[in-house]
Structure formats: structure tokens, C-alpha cells
Amino acid sequence: MTNKPEVIRLHGYLEENLQDYKKASMFLAFPKCSFKCATEQGLNPEEICQNYFNIKEQIKEYPLFELYEVYRKNPITEAFVLGGLEPLDSFDDVWSFISFIRDNALLEDDIVIYTGYYPEEIKDKIDKLKKFKNIYLKCGRFRIGQERHYDEVLGVNLANEEQFGIKIS
């Protein structure tokens, strides 16, 4: 066993986020993305991706226990939002984080994963995540020219009609 604490790779985090979920959340910015939303529309990701600026940010290792401590000490936050670029393109880190929160920290607070994938594209990942309680997904690609809409599951406005929230466990 190594003395190095278990870590995940992120661009960074926001201790308090009030825009991506109905509950005050800690937001973790994951560093990878295939930019499927842009490429499927024949566009440059820089033109349409609201998170593209993150691509140039330094990727850092964050000890899981330190992230948990920041969350635990904040009296406002009661959920986690995993976003940034595409969290599910960093699934090992997503799994490590959720496993730590559920199995080590023993928290059952909501965890929301903001993904551009549709459920049928990530069935294998959803099946694994069903092991944990209170896991939600924001699914669907960003599309130019569509209207924002309110999503009942997440309790926030989403960027377009193709995006939707689901509870997977």
C-alpha cells in the first residue's frame, strides 16, 4: 500500500454552486471531453461549448479526503455536481470519487453527473453506478438554436430541449 492519498484529476472545484441543481452543491470540474456536441453539428468546440475555456486550465490532482473535508465543513452545500467538460470521459475518477463519498465518507447526499451522453450510450456506466444511492444524470447534447427549458428532476433550467435529468438510483 502506498502512502499517497487517493486522488482524482480535476481542473478545479467550486465550493458552492447554486445554478446546476436544486440544492446548493459542490461543483467538480472534470478535465476531459470528446466535444461530441460540437463535432456532431460540424462545429468547432470553441464556438459553442460554454466550458471550452476549461481545456486550457491546468489539470491538478486533488486528494479525495481534502475534497470531502471542504464539502463537510460547508454548512450550505448538500449535494455534488460533477461537470466541467465531460465527467464520464474520466469515468475512473468519477468512480473513485463516488466510491469514496459513499463507502468511506458514508454520505448519501445527492450526486449529479452532467453528461452530454444519452443513457443508451452509457448503459455500462449507468449499470455500475446503480450500486450507489441518490445518483442523478443530466443527459443530452447541447444543440444550437433550441430553447432553454425547466427540468423537474434537477430543478433548474437546462440549455435546450435535448437535455434532461434522470435519477438512476
N, C-alpha and C. Protein backbone atom coordinates (compact mmCIF):
# COMPACT_ATOMS: atom_id res chain seq x y z
N MET A 1 0.84 -1.18 0.00
CA MET A 1 0.00 0.00 0.00
C MET A 1 0.88 1.25 0.00
N THR A 2 0.50 2.22 -0.79
CA THR A 2 1.27 3.46 -0.90
C THR A 2 0.79 4.49 0.13
N ASN A 3 1.67 5.41 0.47
CA ASN A 3 1.32 6.47 1.40
C ASN A 3 0.60 7.62 0.72
N LYS A 4 0.60 7.63 -0.60
CA LYS A 4 -0.04 8.70 -1.36
C LYS A 4 -1.56 8.61 -1.18
N PRO A 5 -2.20 9.71 -0.81
CA PRO A 5 -3.66 9.67 -0.66
C PRO A 5 -4.33 9.44 -2.01
N GLU A 6 -5.49 8.80 -1.98
CA GLU A 6 -6.22 8.59 -3.22
C GLU A 6 -6.65 9.94 -3.78
N VAL A 7 -6.39 10.14 -5.06
CA VAL A 7 -6.65 11.43 -5.69
C VAL A 7 -7.49 11.26 -6.94
N ILE A 8 -8.10 12.37 -7.36
CA ILE A 8 -8.74 12.43 -8.68
C ILE A 8 -8.18 13.64 -9.40
N ARG A 9 -8.28 13.60 -10.72
CA ARG A 9 -7.76 14.68 -11.55
C ARG A 9 -8.91 15.59 -11.98
N LEU A 10 -8.74 16.89 -11.70
CA LEU A 10 -9.76 17.90 -12.00
C LEU A 10 -9.08 19.17 -12.51
N HIS A 11 -9.89 19.99 -13.18
CA HIS A 11 -9.44 21.35 -13.44
C HIS A 11 -9.58 22.18 -12.18
N GLY A 12 -10.49 21.80 -11.33
CA GLY A 12 -10.72 22.52 -10.08
C GLY A 12 -12.10 22.23 -9.55
N TYR A 13 -12.52 23.02 -8.57
CA TYR A 13 -13.85 22.84 -7.99
C TYR A 13 -14.37 24.17 -7.47
N LEU A 14 -15.68 24.25 -7.33
CA LEU A 14 -16.34 25.38 -6.67
C LEU A 14 -16.94 24.84 -5.39
N GLU A 15 -16.63 25.49 -4.30
CA GLU A 15 -17.15 25.02 -3.02
C GLU A 15 -18.67 25.13 -2.96
N GLU A 16 -19.22 26.19 -3.55
CA GLU A 16 -20.68 26.37 -3.57
C GLU A 16 -21.15 26.72 -4.97
N ASN A 17 -22.15 25.98 -5.44
CA ASN A 17 -22.72 26.19 -6.76
C ASN A 17 -24.23 26.16 -6.59
N LEU A 18 -24.91 27.19 -7.10
CA LEU A 18 -26.36 27.28 -6.95
C LEU A 18 -27.09 27.22 -8.28
N GLN A 19 -26.40 26.96 -9.38
CA GLN A 19 -27.06 27.04 -10.67
C GLN A 19 -27.32 25.71 -11.38
N ASP A 20 -26.67 24.63 -10.98
CA ASP A 20 -26.76 23.39 -11.74
C ASP A 20 -27.65 22.32 -11.11
N TYR A 21 -28.17 22.59 -9.91
CA TYR A 21 -29.03 21.62 -9.23
C TYR A 21 -29.91 22.37 -8.25
N LYS A 22 -31.01 21.75 -7.88
CA LYS A 22 -31.97 22.40 -6.99
C LYS A 22 -31.44 22.60 -5.57
N LYS A 23 -30.37 21.92 -5.23
CA LYS A 23 -29.75 22.06 -3.91
C LYS A 23 -28.37 22.71 -4.08
N ALA A 24 -27.96 23.44 -3.06
CA ALA A 24 -26.61 24.01 -3.08
C ALA A 24 -25.61 22.87 -3.18
N SER A 25 -24.67 22.99 -4.11
CA SER A 25 -23.79 21.87 -4.45
C SER A 25 -22.33 22.29 -4.49
N MET A 26 -21.48 21.32 -4.25
CA MET A 26 -20.06 21.47 -4.56
C MET A 26 -19.90 21.00 -6.00
N PHE A 27 -19.24 21.81 -6.83
CA PHE A 27 -19.08 21.51 -8.26
C PHE A 27 -17.65 21.07 -8.52
N LEU A 28 -17.48 19.90 -9.14
CA LEU A 28 -16.17 19.38 -9.52
C LEU A 28 -16.03 19.46 -11.03
N ALA A 29 -14.95 20.09 -11.51
CA ALA A 29 -14.73 20.29 -12.94
C ALA A 29 -13.77 19.24 -13.49
N PHE A 30 -14.32 18.24 -14.18
CA PHE A 30 -13.53 17.16 -14.76
C PHE A 30 -12.88 17.63 -16.06
N PRO A 31 -11.69 17.11 -16.40
CA PRO A 31 -10.86 17.71 -17.44
C PRO A 31 -10.94 17.14 -18.86
N LYS A 32 -11.71 16.13 -19.11
CA LYS A 32 -11.69 15.52 -20.45
C LYS A 32 -13.02 15.71 -21.17
N CYS A 33 -12.97 15.71 -22.50
CA CYS A 33 -14.19 15.74 -23.32
C CYS A 33 -13.85 15.43 -24.76
N SER A 34 -14.73 14.67 -25.40
CA SER A 34 -14.56 14.37 -26.83
C SER A 34 -15.19 15.48 -27.69
N PHE A 35 -15.89 16.42 -27.07
CA PHE A 35 -16.57 17.52 -27.75
C PHE A 35 -17.56 17.03 -28.80
N LYS A 36 -18.28 15.97 -28.42
CA LYS A 36 -19.27 15.36 -29.32
C LYS A 36 -20.37 16.33 -29.71
N CYS A 37 -20.76 17.23 -28.82
CA CYS A 37 -21.83 18.18 -29.13
C CYS A 37 -21.47 19.03 -30.34
N ALA A 38 -20.25 19.51 -30.36
CA ALA A 38 -19.80 20.37 -31.46
C ALA A 38 -19.53 19.56 -32.73
N THR A 39 -18.79 18.47 -32.60
CA THR A 39 -18.40 17.72 -33.80
C THR A 39 -19.61 17.14 -34.52
N GLU A 40 -20.63 16.72 -33.79
CA GLU A 40 -21.84 16.19 -34.44
C GLU A 40 -22.58 17.26 -35.23
N GLN A 41 -22.37 18.53 -34.85
CA GLN A 41 -23.01 19.64 -35.57
C GLN A 41 -22.07 20.27 -36.59
N GLY A 42 -20.87 19.65 -36.76
CA GLY A 42 -19.89 20.17 -37.71
C GLY A 42 -19.29 21.50 -37.29
N LEU A 43 -19.22 21.73 -35.98
CA LEU A 43 -18.73 22.99 -35.46
C LEU A 43 -17.46 22.81 -34.66
N ASN A 44 -16.73 23.89 -34.51
CA ASN A 44 -15.55 23.93 -33.66
C ASN A 44 -16.03 24.03 -32.21
N PRO A 45 -15.53 23.19 -31.29
CA PRO A 45 -15.97 23.26 -29.90
C PRO A 45 -15.83 24.64 -29.28
N GLU A 46 -14.81 25.37 -29.70
CA GLU A 46 -14.60 26.72 -29.18
C GLU A 46 -15.78 27.64 -29.47
N GLU A 47 -16.51 27.35 -30.55
CA GLU A 47 -17.63 28.20 -30.95
C GLU A 47 -18.88 28.00 -30.10
N ILE A 48 -19.08 26.78 -29.56
CA ILE A 48 -20.35 26.53 -28.88
C ILE A 48 -20.25 26.02 -27.46
N CYS A 49 -19.11 25.52 -27.05
CA CYS A 49 -19.01 24.90 -25.74
C CYS A 49 -18.80 25.95 -24.65
N GLN A 50 -19.76 26.06 -23.75
CA GLN A 50 -19.64 27.05 -22.67
C GLN A 50 -18.50 26.71 -21.71
N ASN A 51 -18.04 25.48 -21.74
CA ASN A 51 -16.97 25.05 -20.84
C ASN A 51 -15.62 24.92 -21.55
N TYR A 52 -15.55 25.33 -22.81
CA TYR A 52 -14.32 25.14 -23.57
C TYR A 52 -13.12 25.83 -22.93
N PHE A 53 -13.37 26.97 -22.27
CA PHE A 53 -12.27 27.70 -21.63
C PHE A 53 -11.49 26.80 -20.67
N ASN A 54 -12.16 25.78 -20.11
CA ASN A 54 -11.51 24.88 -19.17
C ASN A 54 -10.40 24.04 -19.80
N ILE A 55 -10.45 23.86 -21.12
CA ILE A 55 -9.49 22.98 -21.79
C ILE A 55 -8.06 23.46 -21.56
N LYS A 56 -7.87 24.74 -21.38
CA LYS A 56 -6.53 25.30 -21.20
C LYS A 56 -6.11 25.36 -19.74
N GLU A 57 -7.02 25.07 -18.84
CA GLU A 57 -6.71 25.10 -17.41
C GLU A 57 -5.81 23.92 -17.04
N GLN A 58 -4.97 24.14 -16.07
CA GLN A 58 -4.09 23.08 -15.59
C GLN A 58 -4.91 21.98 -14.92
N ILE A 59 -4.53 20.75 -15.17
CA ILE A 59 -5.16 19.61 -14.50
C ILE A 59 -4.35 19.34 -13.24
N LYS A 60 -5.07 19.25 -12.12
CA LYS A 60 -4.41 19.03 -10.84
C LYS A 60 -4.96 17.78 -10.18
N GLU A 61 -4.16 17.21 -9.32
CA GLU A 61 -4.62 16.08 -8.51
C GLU A 61 -5.16 16.62 -7.19
N TYR A 62 -6.36 16.15 -6.84
CA TYR A 62 -7.00 16.55 -5.59
C TYR A 62 -7.22 15.31 -4.73
N PRO A 63 -6.68 15.30 -3.52
CA PRO A 63 -6.96 14.18 -2.62
C PRO A 63 -8.45 14.12 -2.28
N LEU A 64 -9.01 12.94 -2.37
CA LEU A 64 -10.44 12.76 -2.11
C LEU A 64 -10.82 13.22 -0.71
N PHE A 65 -9.99 12.92 0.27
CA PHE A 65 -10.31 13.30 1.63
C PHE A 65 -10.37 14.82 1.78
N GLU A 66 -9.48 15.54 1.10
CA GLU A 66 -9.50 17.01 1.18
C GLU A 66 -10.76 17.58 0.54
N LEU A 67 -11.20 17.04 -0.59
CA LEU A 67 -12.45 17.49 -1.20
C LEU A 67 -13.62 17.24 -0.26
N TYR A 68 -13.64 16.07 0.33
CA TYR A 68 -14.69 15.73 1.29
C TYR A 68 -14.69 16.71 2.47
N GLU A 69 -13.52 17.04 2.98
CA GLU A 69 -13.42 17.96 4.13
C GLU A 69 -13.96 19.34 3.78
N VAL A 70 -13.65 19.84 2.59
CA VAL A 70 -14.18 21.14 2.16
C VAL A 70 -15.70 21.08 2.13
N TYR A 71 -16.24 20.01 1.57
CA TYR A 71 -17.69 19.82 1.49
C TYR A 71 -18.30 19.72 2.89
N ARG A 72 -17.73 18.89 3.71
CA ARG A 72 -18.27 18.63 5.05
C ARG A 72 -18.31 19.88 5.91
N LYS A 73 -17.33 20.74 5.77
CA LYS A 73 -17.25 21.95 6.60
C LYS A 73 -18.15 23.08 6.11
N ASN A 74 -18.72 22.92 4.93
CA ASN A 74 -19.58 23.98 4.39
C ASN A 74 -21.01 23.74 4.85
N PRO A 75 -21.61 24.66 5.59
CA PRO A 75 -22.97 24.46 6.10
C PRO A 75 -24.06 24.60 5.03
N ILE A 76 -23.69 25.08 3.86
CA ILE A 76 -24.69 25.34 2.81
C ILE A 76 -24.87 24.16 1.86
N THR A 77 -23.76 23.54 1.46
CA THR A 77 -23.84 22.50 0.42
C THR A 77 -24.47 21.22 0.94
N GLU A 78 -25.30 20.62 0.06
CA GLU A 78 -25.96 19.35 0.40
C GLU A 78 -26.04 18.40 -0.79
N ALA A 79 -25.20 18.66 -1.81
CA ALA A 79 -25.15 17.79 -2.99
C ALA A 79 -23.82 18.05 -3.71
N PHE A 80 -23.52 17.16 -4.65
CA PHE A 80 -22.34 17.32 -5.50
C PHE A 80 -22.81 17.37 -6.95
N VAL A 81 -22.17 18.21 -7.76
CA VAL A 81 -22.39 18.21 -9.20
C VAL A 81 -21.03 17.93 -9.85
N LEU A 82 -21.00 16.89 -10.67
CA LEU A 82 -19.79 16.52 -11.40
C LEU A 82 -19.97 17.02 -12.82
N GLY A 83 -19.17 17.97 -13.22
CA GLY A 83 -19.31 18.57 -14.53
C GLY A 83 -17.96 18.92 -15.10
N GLY A 84 -17.84 20.17 -15.53
CA GLY A 84 -16.59 20.63 -16.12
C GLY A 84 -16.67 20.46 -17.62
N LEU A 85 -15.93 19.50 -18.10
CA LEU A 85 -16.04 19.14 -19.51
C LEU A 85 -16.98 17.93 -19.56
N GLU A 86 -16.48 16.72 -19.70
CA GLU A 86 -17.35 15.53 -19.74
C GLU A 86 -16.88 14.55 -18.67
N PRO A 87 -17.54 14.54 -17.51
CA PRO A 87 -17.11 13.66 -16.42
C PRO A 87 -17.00 12.19 -16.83
N LEU A 88 -17.92 11.72 -17.65
CA LEU A 88 -17.91 10.29 -17.98
C LEU A 88 -16.77 9.91 -18.91
N ASP A 89 -16.05 10.90 -19.46
CA ASP A 89 -14.82 10.62 -20.19
C ASP A 89 -13.65 10.44 -19.23
N SER A 90 -13.90 10.68 -17.95
CA SER A 90 -12.94 10.44 -16.85
C SER A 90 -13.59 9.49 -15.85
N PHE A 91 -14.18 8.41 -16.36
CA PHE A 91 -15.02 7.56 -15.51
C PHE A 91 -14.27 6.97 -14.32
N ASP A 92 -13.00 6.63 -14.47
CA ASP A 92 -12.25 6.08 -13.34
C ASP A 92 -12.22 7.07 -12.17
N ASP A 93 -12.02 8.36 -12.48
CA ASP A 93 -12.02 9.37 -11.43
C ASP A 93 -13.42 9.58 -10.86
N VAL A 94 -14.43 9.56 -11.71
CA VAL A 94 -15.82 9.66 -11.23
C VAL A 94 -16.11 8.51 -10.28
N TRP A 95 -15.74 7.31 -10.68
CA TRP A 95 -15.98 6.13 -9.84
C TRP A 95 -15.23 6.24 -8.51
N SER A 96 -13.98 6.67 -8.57
CA SER A 96 -13.20 6.83 -7.34
C SER A 96 -13.86 7.83 -6.40
N PHE A 97 -14.31 8.95 -6.95
CA PHE A 97 -14.95 9.97 -6.12
C PHE A 97 -16.22 9.44 -5.47
N ILE A 98 -17.11 8.88 -6.28
CA ILE A 98 -18.39 8.40 -5.74
C ILE A 98 -18.16 7.26 -4.75
N SER A 99 -17.27 6.36 -5.07
CA SER A 99 -16.96 5.27 -4.13
C SER A 99 -16.45 5.82 -2.80
N PHE A 100 -15.59 6.81 -2.86
CA PHE A 100 -15.07 7.40 -1.63
C PHE A 100 -16.19 8.05 -0.82
N ILE A 101 -17.02 8.83 -1.48
CA ILE A 101 -18.11 9.54 -0.78
C ILE A 101 -19.09 8.55 -0.17
N ARG A 102 -19.42 7.49 -0.88
CA ARG A 102 -20.39 6.52 -0.37
C ARG A 102 -19.77 5.53 0.63
N ASP A 103 -18.61 4.99 0.31
CA ASP A 103 -18.04 3.90 1.11
C ASP A 103 -17.14 4.37 2.25
N ASN A 104 -16.42 5.47 2.06
CA ASN A 104 -15.50 5.94 3.10
C ASN A 104 -16.11 7.07 3.93
N ALA A 105 -16.68 8.06 3.26
CA ALA A 105 -17.27 9.18 3.99
C ALA A 105 -18.68 8.84 4.49
N LEU A 106 -19.27 7.79 3.93
CA LEU A 106 -20.61 7.32 4.32
C LEU A 106 -21.68 8.39 4.16
N LEU A 107 -21.56 9.18 3.09
CA LEU A 107 -22.56 10.19 2.76
C LEU A 107 -23.50 9.66 1.69
N GLU A 108 -24.77 9.94 1.82
CA GLU A 108 -25.75 9.57 0.80
C GLU A 108 -26.35 10.80 0.13
N ASP A 109 -25.66 11.95 0.24
CA ASP A 109 -26.13 13.18 -0.39
C ASP A 109 -26.20 12.97 -1.90
N ASP A 110 -27.09 13.73 -2.55
CA ASP A 110 -27.27 13.61 -4.00
C ASP A 110 -25.96 13.90 -4.73
N ILE A 111 -25.72 13.11 -5.79
CA ILE A 111 -24.62 13.34 -6.70
C ILE A 111 -25.21 13.41 -8.11
N VAL A 112 -24.97 14.54 -8.78
CA VAL A 112 -25.49 14.78 -10.13
C VAL A 112 -24.30 14.81 -11.09
N ILE A 113 -24.40 14.01 -12.14
CA ILE A 113 -23.35 13.97 -13.16
C ILE A 113 -23.89 14.65 -14.42
N TYR A 114 -23.27 15.74 -14.81
CA TYR A 114 -23.64 16.46 -16.03
C TYR A 114 -22.92 15.81 -17.20
N THR A 115 -23.67 15.10 -18.03
CA THR A 115 -23.08 14.43 -19.17
C THR A 115 -23.79 14.82 -20.46
N GLY A 116 -23.03 14.84 -21.53
CA GLY A 116 -23.60 15.07 -22.85
C GLY A 116 -24.03 13.77 -23.52
N TYR A 117 -23.81 12.66 -22.86
CA TYR A 117 -24.22 11.37 -23.41
C TYR A 117 -25.69 11.13 -23.16
N TYR A 118 -26.28 10.28 -23.97
CA TYR A 118 -27.65 9.79 -23.75
C TYR A 118 -27.55 8.46 -23.01
N PRO A 119 -28.56 8.10 -22.22
CA PRO A 119 -28.48 6.87 -21.41
C PRO A 119 -28.10 5.62 -22.20
N GLU A 120 -28.60 5.47 -23.41
CA GLU A 120 -28.29 4.27 -24.18
C GLU A 120 -26.81 4.20 -24.59
N GLU A 121 -26.11 5.34 -24.60
CA GLU A 121 -24.69 5.36 -24.95
C GLU A 121 -23.79 4.99 -23.77
N ILE A 122 -24.33 5.06 -22.57
CA ILE A 122 -23.52 4.83 -21.37
C ILE A 122 -24.15 3.79 -20.45
N LYS A 123 -24.88 2.85 -21.04
CA LYS A 123 -25.58 1.84 -20.24
C LYS A 123 -24.63 1.11 -19.29
N ASP A 124 -23.43 0.78 -19.75
CA ASP A 124 -22.48 0.07 -18.89
C ASP A 124 -22.11 0.90 -17.66
N LYS A 125 -21.93 2.21 -17.84
CA LYS A 125 -21.59 3.08 -16.71
C LYS A 125 -22.78 3.24 -15.77
N ILE A 126 -23.96 3.40 -16.34
CA ILE A 126 -25.18 3.52 -15.52
C ILE A 126 -25.37 2.26 -14.68
N ASP A 127 -25.18 1.11 -15.30
CA ASP A 127 -25.34 -0.16 -14.56
C ASP A 127 -24.39 -0.22 -13.37
N LYS A 128 -23.16 0.25 -13.53
CA LYS A 128 -22.20 0.27 -12.42
C LYS A 128 -22.64 1.27 -11.34
N LEU A 129 -23.09 2.44 -11.77
CA LEU A 129 -23.46 3.49 -10.81
C LEU A 129 -24.72 3.18 -10.02
N LYS A 130 -25.53 2.27 -10.54
CA LYS A 130 -26.77 1.89 -9.83
C LYS A 130 -26.49 1.27 -8.47
N LYS A 131 -25.26 0.88 -8.23
CA LYS A 131 -24.86 0.33 -6.95
C LYS A 131 -25.03 1.36 -5.82
N PHE A 132 -24.94 2.64 -6.17
CA PHE A 132 -24.97 3.72 -5.19
C PHE A 132 -26.35 4.38 -5.14
N LYS A 133 -26.69 4.95 -3.98
CA LYS A 133 -27.96 5.67 -3.82
C LYS A 133 -27.81 7.13 -4.27
N ASN A 134 -28.94 7.70 -4.69
CA ASN A 134 -29.05 9.13 -4.97
C ASN A 134 -28.08 9.63 -6.04
N ILE A 135 -28.06 8.91 -7.16
CA ILE A 135 -27.24 9.32 -8.30
C ILE A 135 -28.18 9.81 -9.41
N TYR A 136 -27.90 11.00 -9.90
CA TYR A 136 -28.70 11.64 -10.95
C TYR A 136 -27.79 11.94 -12.14
N LEU A 137 -28.40 11.99 -13.31
CA LEU A 137 -27.67 12.39 -14.53
C LEU A 137 -28.40 13.53 -15.20
N LYS A 138 -27.65 14.48 -15.72
CA LYS A 138 -28.16 15.44 -16.70
C LYS A 138 -27.64 14.89 -18.01
N CYS A 139 -28.53 14.43 -18.87
CA CYS A 139 -28.15 13.78 -20.13
C CYS A 139 -28.46 14.69 -21.31
N GLY A 140 -27.82 14.38 -22.43
CA GLY A 140 -28.16 15.02 -23.69
C GLY A 140 -27.16 16.06 -24.15
N ARG A 141 -27.07 16.20 -25.47
CA ARG A 141 -26.14 17.12 -26.11
C ARG A 141 -26.66 18.56 -26.09
N PHE A 142 -25.73 19.47 -26.17
CA PHE A 142 -26.09 20.87 -26.41
C PHE A 142 -26.32 21.03 -27.90
N ARG A 143 -27.41 21.67 -28.26
CA ARG A 143 -27.74 21.96 -29.65
C ARG A 143 -28.00 23.45 -29.81
N ILE A 144 -27.41 24.03 -30.84
CA ILE A 144 -27.61 25.44 -31.13
C ILE A 144 -29.05 25.67 -31.60
N GLY A 145 -29.62 26.78 -31.18
CA GLY A 145 -30.92 27.21 -31.69
C GLY A 145 -32.12 26.62 -30.98
N GLN A 146 -31.93 25.88 -29.91
CA GLN A 146 -33.06 25.35 -29.17
C GLN A 146 -33.30 26.19 -27.92
N GLU A 147 -34.51 26.14 -27.43
CA GLU A 147 -34.90 26.92 -26.26
C GLU A 147 -34.50 26.22 -24.97
N ARG A 148 -34.20 27.03 -23.96
CA ARG A 148 -33.97 26.51 -22.61
C ARG A 148 -35.30 25.97 -22.08
N HIS A 149 -35.21 25.07 -21.13
CA HIS A 149 -36.43 24.56 -20.50
C HIS A 149 -36.14 24.16 -19.07
N TYR A 150 -37.19 24.16 -18.26
CA TYR A 150 -37.07 23.79 -16.86
C TYR A 150 -37.15 22.27 -16.74
N ASP A 151 -36.21 21.69 -16.01
CA ASP A 151 -36.20 20.25 -15.80
C ASP A 151 -36.66 19.96 -14.38
N GLU A 152 -37.73 19.18 -14.27
CA GLU A 152 -38.33 18.86 -12.96
C GLU A 152 -37.40 18.03 -12.08
N VAL A 153 -36.65 17.12 -12.67
CA VAL A 153 -35.78 16.22 -11.89
C VAL A 153 -34.65 17.00 -11.23
N LEU A 154 -33.99 17.86 -11.99
CA LEU A 154 -32.85 18.60 -11.47
C LEU A 154 -33.25 19.92 -10.80
N GLY A 155 -34.43 20.41 -11.15
CA GLY A 155 -34.92 21.64 -10.54
C GLY A 155 -34.24 22.90 -11.05
N VAL A 156 -33.72 22.85 -12.28
CA VAL A 156 -33.04 24.01 -12.89
C VAL A 156 -33.39 24.07 -14.37
N ASN A 157 -33.08 25.21 -14.99
CA ASN A 157 -33.23 25.34 -16.43
C ASN A 157 -32.04 24.69 -17.12
N LEU A 158 -32.33 23.93 -18.17
CA LEU A 158 -31.29 23.31 -18.99
C LEU A 158 -31.22 24.04 -20.33
N ALA A 159 -30.08 23.92 -20.99
CA ALA A 159 -29.77 24.74 -22.16
C ALA A 159 -30.66 24.50 -23.37
N ASN A 160 -31.20 23.29 -23.52
CA ASN A 160 -32.04 23.03 -24.69
C ASN A 160 -32.90 21.78 -24.46
N GLU A 161 -33.83 21.56 -25.39
CA GLU A 161 -34.84 20.51 -25.23
C GLU A 161 -34.27 19.10 -25.24
N GLU A 162 -33.08 18.90 -25.80
CA GLU A 162 -32.49 17.56 -25.83
C GLU A 162 -31.87 17.16 -24.50
N GLN A 163 -31.76 18.08 -23.58
CA GLN A 163 -31.15 17.78 -22.29
C GLN A 163 -32.24 17.51 -21.26
N PHE A 164 -31.96 16.52 -20.39
CA PHE A 164 -32.96 16.12 -19.39
C PHE A 164 -32.28 15.45 -18.21
N GLY A 165 -32.93 15.52 -17.08
CA GLY A 165 -32.41 14.87 -15.88
C GLY A 165 -33.11 13.55 -15.61
N ILE A 166 -32.35 12.60 -15.07
CA ILE A 166 -32.92 11.31 -14.64
C ILE A 166 -32.27 10.91 -13.32
N LYS A 167 -33.02 10.20 -12.51
CA LYS A 167 -32.47 9.59 -11.32
C LYS A 167 -32.19 8.14 -11.67
N ILE A 168 -30.94 7.70 -11.48
CA ILE A 168 -30.62 6.31 -11.85
C ILE A 168 -30.62 5.38 -10.63
N SER A 169 -30.53 5.95 -9.45
CA SER A 169 -30.59 5.10 -8.25
C SER A 169 -30.94 5.93 -7.03
